[in-house]
Amino acid sequence: MGYRSNVMALIYPERGSDDMVAKYEQLKVLMATTFKEVTDEFGDPYMEWMDADRVLKFNMPDVKWYPSYSDVQMFEKMLEAFGDDIPGYCTEFVRIGEESDDVEQRQTGDNNEYYLQVRREIDCNV
């Protein structure tokens, strides 16, 4: 079985720029070309284009997210590229592991929207 995590990541054009529409279209082209391997690996059902908000969302529940795995390395390299090499984009990443203190959260970009938040709840079934 192994240790599992829930992972969500967003990529979107920096807000407030005049070329947000063009940047969003460029993001679609980049995902179909430069990052095609990521799209092939983490596409359907994990990848969703949210056109109304101009956001690319990855939602990967219950996955083995080990830094040594080649698919995880490929995904992390893509996020790093949007953070360092490809200007005009924001990224958000959250990984919640099985342990209560295993939470990883990071963002890149100058005008980040902070769409992702971590919330833990206590339920009582009595």
C-alpha atoms as a PDB file:
ATOM      1  CA  MET A   1       0.000   0.000   0.000  1.00  0.00           C
ATOM      2  CA  GLY A   2       2.506   2.648   1.068  1.00  0.00           C
ATOM      3  CA  TYR A   3       2.298   6.174   2.332  1.00  0.00           C
ATOM      4  CA  ARG A   4      -0.230   8.304   0.457  1.00  0.00           C
ATOM      5  CA  SER A   5      -0.759  12.029   0.022  1.00  0.00           C
ATOM      6  CA  ASN A   6      -3.377  14.358  -1.401  1.00  0.00           C
ATOM      7  CA  VAL A   7      -1.808  16.844  -3.815  1.00  0.00           C
ATOM      8  CA  MET A   8      -3.261  19.914  -5.489  1.00  0.00           C
ATOM      9  CA  ALA A   9      -1.432  22.408  -7.684  1.00  0.00           C
ATOM     10  CA  LEU A  10      -2.510  25.467  -9.658  1.00  0.00           C
ATOM     11  CA  ILE A  11      -0.828  27.395 -12.465  1.00  0.00           C
ATOM     12  CA  TYR A  12      -2.245  30.683 -13.703  1.00  0.00           C
ATOM     13  CA  PRO A  13      -1.178  33.994 -15.246  1.00  0.00           C
ATOM     14  CA  GLU A  14      -0.186  36.685 -12.782  1.00  0.00           C
ATOM     15  CA  ARG A  15      -3.244  38.746 -11.964  1.00  0.00           C
ATOM     16  CA  GLY A  16      -3.429  42.366 -12.962  1.00  0.00           C
ATOM     17  CA  SER A  17      -1.319  42.048 -16.089  1.00  0.00           C
ATOM     18  CA  ASP A  18      -2.671  43.304 -19.404  1.00  0.00           C
ATOM     19  CA  ASP A  19      -1.900  40.055 -21.199  1.00  0.00           C
ATOM     20  CA  MET A  20      -3.653  37.536 -18.913  1.00  0.00           C
ATOM     21  CA  VAL A  21      -5.701  36.076 -21.784  1.00  0.00           C
ATOM     22  CA  ALA A  22      -2.596  35.670 -23.965  1.00  0.00           C
ATOM     23  CA  LYS A  23      -0.665  34.139 -21.051  1.00  0.00           C
ATOM     24  CA  TYR A  24      -3.462  31.648 -20.393  1.00  0.00           C
ATOM     25  CA  GLU A  25      -3.448  30.620 -24.056  1.00  0.00           C
ATOM     26  CA  GLN A  26       0.343  30.347 -23.887  1.00  0.00           C
ATOM     27  CA  LEU A  27      -0.057  28.078 -20.839  1.00  0.00           C
ATOM     28  CA  LYS A  28      -2.264  25.755 -22.897  1.00  0.00           C
ATOM     29  CA  VAL A  29       0.367  25.640 -25.647  1.00  0.00           C
ATOM     30  CA  LEU A  30       3.170  24.994 -23.141  1.00  0.00           C
ATOM     31  CA  MET A  31       1.252  22.111 -21.575  1.00  0.00           C
ATOM     32  CA  ALA A  32       0.686  20.572 -25.024  1.00  0.00           C
ATOM     33  CA  THR A  33       4.332  20.952 -26.093  1.00  0.00           C
ATOM     34  CA  THR A  34       7.060  21.700 -23.545  1.00  0.00           C
ATOM     35  CA  PHE A  35       5.263  19.888 -20.716  1.00  0.00           C
ATOM     36  CA  LYS A  36       3.479  17.227 -22.788  1.00  0.00           C
ATOM     37  CA  GLU A  37       4.984  14.451 -20.649  1.00  0.00           C
ATOM     38  CA  VAL A  38       3.411  16.017 -17.555  1.00  0.00           C
ATOM     39  CA  THR A  39       0.074  16.299 -19.358  1.00  0.00           C
ATOM     40  CA  ASP A  40       0.342  12.667 -20.465  1.00  0.00           C
ATOM     41  CA  GLU A  41       1.158  11.491 -16.928  1.00  0.00           C
ATOM     42  CA  PHE A  42      -1.076  13.798 -14.882  1.00  0.00           C
ATOM     43  CA  GLY A  43      -3.810  14.640 -17.383  1.00  0.00           C
ATOM     44  CA  ASP A  44      -7.261  13.076 -17.186  1.00  0.00           C
ATOM     45  CA  PRO A  45      -8.645  12.719 -14.513  1.00  0.00           C
ATOM     46  CA  TYR A  46      -6.166  14.869 -12.543  1.00  0.00           C
ATOM     47  CA  MET A  47      -5.865  17.943 -14.767  1.00  0.00           C
ATOM     48  CA  GLU A  48      -8.643  20.485 -15.291  1.00  0.00           C
ATOM     49  CA  TRP A  49      -8.670  23.699 -17.307  1.00  0.00           C
ATOM     50  CA  MET A  50     -10.768  26.234 -15.423  1.00  0.00           C
ATOM     51  CA  ASP A  51     -11.302  28.668 -18.294  1.00  0.00           C
ATOM     52  CA  ALA A  52     -13.601  31.081 -16.448  1.00  0.00           C
ATOM     53  CA  ASP A  53     -10.823  31.779 -13.914  1.00  0.00           C
ATOM     54  CA  ARG A  54      -7.875  31.161 -16.270  1.00  0.00           C
ATOM     55  CA  VAL A  55      -6.442  28.497 -13.965  1.00  0.00           C
ATOM     56  CA  LEU A  56      -4.930  25.097 -14.658  1.00  0.00           C
ATOM     57  CA  LYS A  57      -5.712  22.812 -11.709  1.00  0.00           C
ATOM     58  CA  PHE A  58      -4.136  19.483 -10.834  1.00  0.00           C
ATOM     59  CA  ASN A  59      -6.002  17.488  -8.184  1.00  0.00           C
ATOM     60  CA  MET A  60      -4.327  14.199  -7.246  1.00  0.00           C
ATOM     61  CA  PRO A  61      -5.924  12.502  -4.257  1.00  0.00           C
ATOM     62  CA  ASP A  62      -4.458   9.438  -2.587  1.00  0.00           C
ATOM     63  CA  VAL A  63      -1.165   9.286  -4.505  1.00  0.00           C
ATOM     64  CA  LYS A  64       2.320   8.100  -3.624  1.00  0.00           C
ATOM     65  CA  TRP A  65       4.226  11.397  -3.808  1.00  0.00           C
ATOM     66  CA  TYR A  66       7.856  10.453  -3.241  1.00  0.00           C
ATOM     67  CA  PRO A  67      10.628  12.834  -4.412  1.00  0.00           C
ATOM     68  CA  SER A  68      12.538   9.837  -5.807  1.00  0.00           C
ATOM     69  CA  TYR A  69       9.729   8.920  -8.248  1.00  0.00           C
ATOM     70  CA  SER A  70      10.407  10.034 -11.821  1.00  0.00           C
ATOM     71  CA  ASP A  71       6.839  11.269 -12.408  1.00  0.00           C
ATOM     72  CA  VAL A  72       6.986  13.393  -9.239  1.00  0.00           C
ATOM     73  CA  GLN A  73      10.379  14.782 -10.302  1.00  0.00           C
ATOM     74  CA  MET A  74       8.937  15.666 -13.717  1.00  0.00           C
ATOM     75  CA  PHE A  75       5.958  17.455 -12.130  1.00  0.00           C
ATOM     76  CA  GLU A  76       8.157  19.346  -9.663  1.00  0.00           C
ATOM     77  CA  LYS A  77      10.495  20.383 -12.490  1.00  0.00           C
ATOM     78  CA  MET A  78       7.510  21.814 -14.386  1.00  0.00           C
ATOM     79  CA  LEU A  79       6.377  23.835 -11.347  1.00  0.00           C
ATOM     80  CA  GLU A  80       9.928  25.054 -10.849  1.00  0.00           C
ATOM     81  CA  ALA A  81      10.077  26.201 -14.489  1.00  0.00           C
ATOM     82  CA  PHE A  82       6.956  28.331 -14.020  1.00  0.00           C
ATOM     83  CA  GLY A  83       8.442  29.735 -10.846  1.00  0.00           C
ATOM     84  CA  ASP A  84      11.912  30.489 -12.224  1.00  0.00           C
ATOM     85  CA  ASP A  85      12.214  30.312 -16.014  1.00  0.00           C
ATOM     86  CA  ILE A  86       8.841  31.213 -17.508  1.00  0.00           C
ATOM     87  CA  PRO A  87       7.835  34.727 -16.408  1.00  0.00           C
ATOM     88  CA  GLY A  88       4.304  35.962 -15.817  1.00  0.00           C
ATOM     89  CA  TYR A  89       2.816  32.956 -14.014  1.00  0.00           C
ATOM     90  CA  CYS A  90       1.908  32.024 -10.458  1.00  0.00           C
ATOM     91  CA  THR A  91       1.908  28.539  -9.011  1.00  0.00           C
ATOM     92  CA  GLU A  92       0.392  27.150  -5.848  1.00  0.00           C
ATOM     93  CA  PHE A  93       1.144  23.700  -4.451  1.00  0.00           C
ATOM     94  CA  VAL A  94      -0.222  21.827  -1.435  1.00  0.00           C
ATOM     95  CA  ARG A  95       0.552  18.272  -0.368  1.00  0.00           C
ATOM     96  CA  ILE A  96      -1.138  16.750   2.678  1.00  0.00           C
ATOM     97  CA  GLY A  97       0.310  13.470   3.895  1.00  0.00           C
ATOM     98  CA  GLU A  98      -1.253  10.835   6.099  1.00  0.00           C
ATOM     99  CA  GLU A  99       0.462  12.106   9.255  1.00  0.00           C
ATOM    100  CA  SER A 100      -1.177  15.114  10.918  1.00  0.00           C
ATOM    101  CA  ASP A 101       1.991  17.215  10.721  1.00  0.00           C
ATOM    102  CA  ASP A 102       2.898  16.277   7.139  1.00  0.00           C
ATOM    103  CA  VAL A 103       1.785  19.323   5.156  1.00  0.00           C
ATOM    104  CA  GLU A 104       3.753  21.025   2.401  1.00  0.00           C
ATOM    105  CA  GLN A 105       2.595  24.327   0.949  1.00  0.00           C
ATOM    106  CA  ARG A 106       4.362  26.727  -1.429  1.00  0.00           C
ATOM    107  CA  GLN A 107       3.645  29.454  -3.950  1.00  0.00           C
ATOM    108  CA  THR A 108       5.518  31.314  -6.678  1.00  0.00           C
ATOM    109  CA  GLY A 109       4.764  34.504  -8.548  1.00  0.00           C
ATOM    110  CA  ASP A 110       4.475  38.193  -7.829  1.00  0.00           C
ATOM    111  CA  ASN A 111       0.669  38.507  -7.702  1.00  0.00           C
ATOM    112  CA  ASN A 112      -0.317  35.198  -6.177  1.00  0.00           C
ATOM    113  CA  GLU A 113      -4.025  34.799  -5.391  1.00  0.00           C
ATOM    114  CA  TYR A 114      -3.592  32.199  -2.608  1.00  0.00           C
ATOM    115  CA  TYR A 115      -6.493  30.127  -3.893  1.00  0.00           C
ATOM    116  CA  LEU A 116      -5.322  27.019  -2.012  1.00  0.00           C
ATOM    117  CA  GLN A 117      -5.696  26.794   1.738  1.00  0.00           C
ATOM    118  CA  VAL A 118      -5.200  23.899   4.116  1.00  0.00           C
ATOM    119  CA  ARG A 119      -8.038  23.160   6.483  1.00  0.00           C
ATOM    120  CA  ARG A 120      -8.291  20.266   8.907  1.00  0.00           C
ATOM    121  CA  GLU A 121     -11.505  19.461  10.714  1.00  0.00           C
ATOM    122  CA  ILE A 122     -12.563  17.302  13.598  1.00  0.00           C
ATOM    123  CA  ASP A 123     -15.616  15.151  13.062  1.00  0.00           C
ATOM    124  CA  CYS A 124     -17.517  13.308  15.767  1.00  0.00           C
ATOM    125  CA  ASN A 125     -19.684  10.365  14.797  1.00  0.00           C
ATOM    126  CA  VAL A 126     -21.182   9.780  18.260  1.00  0.00           C
END
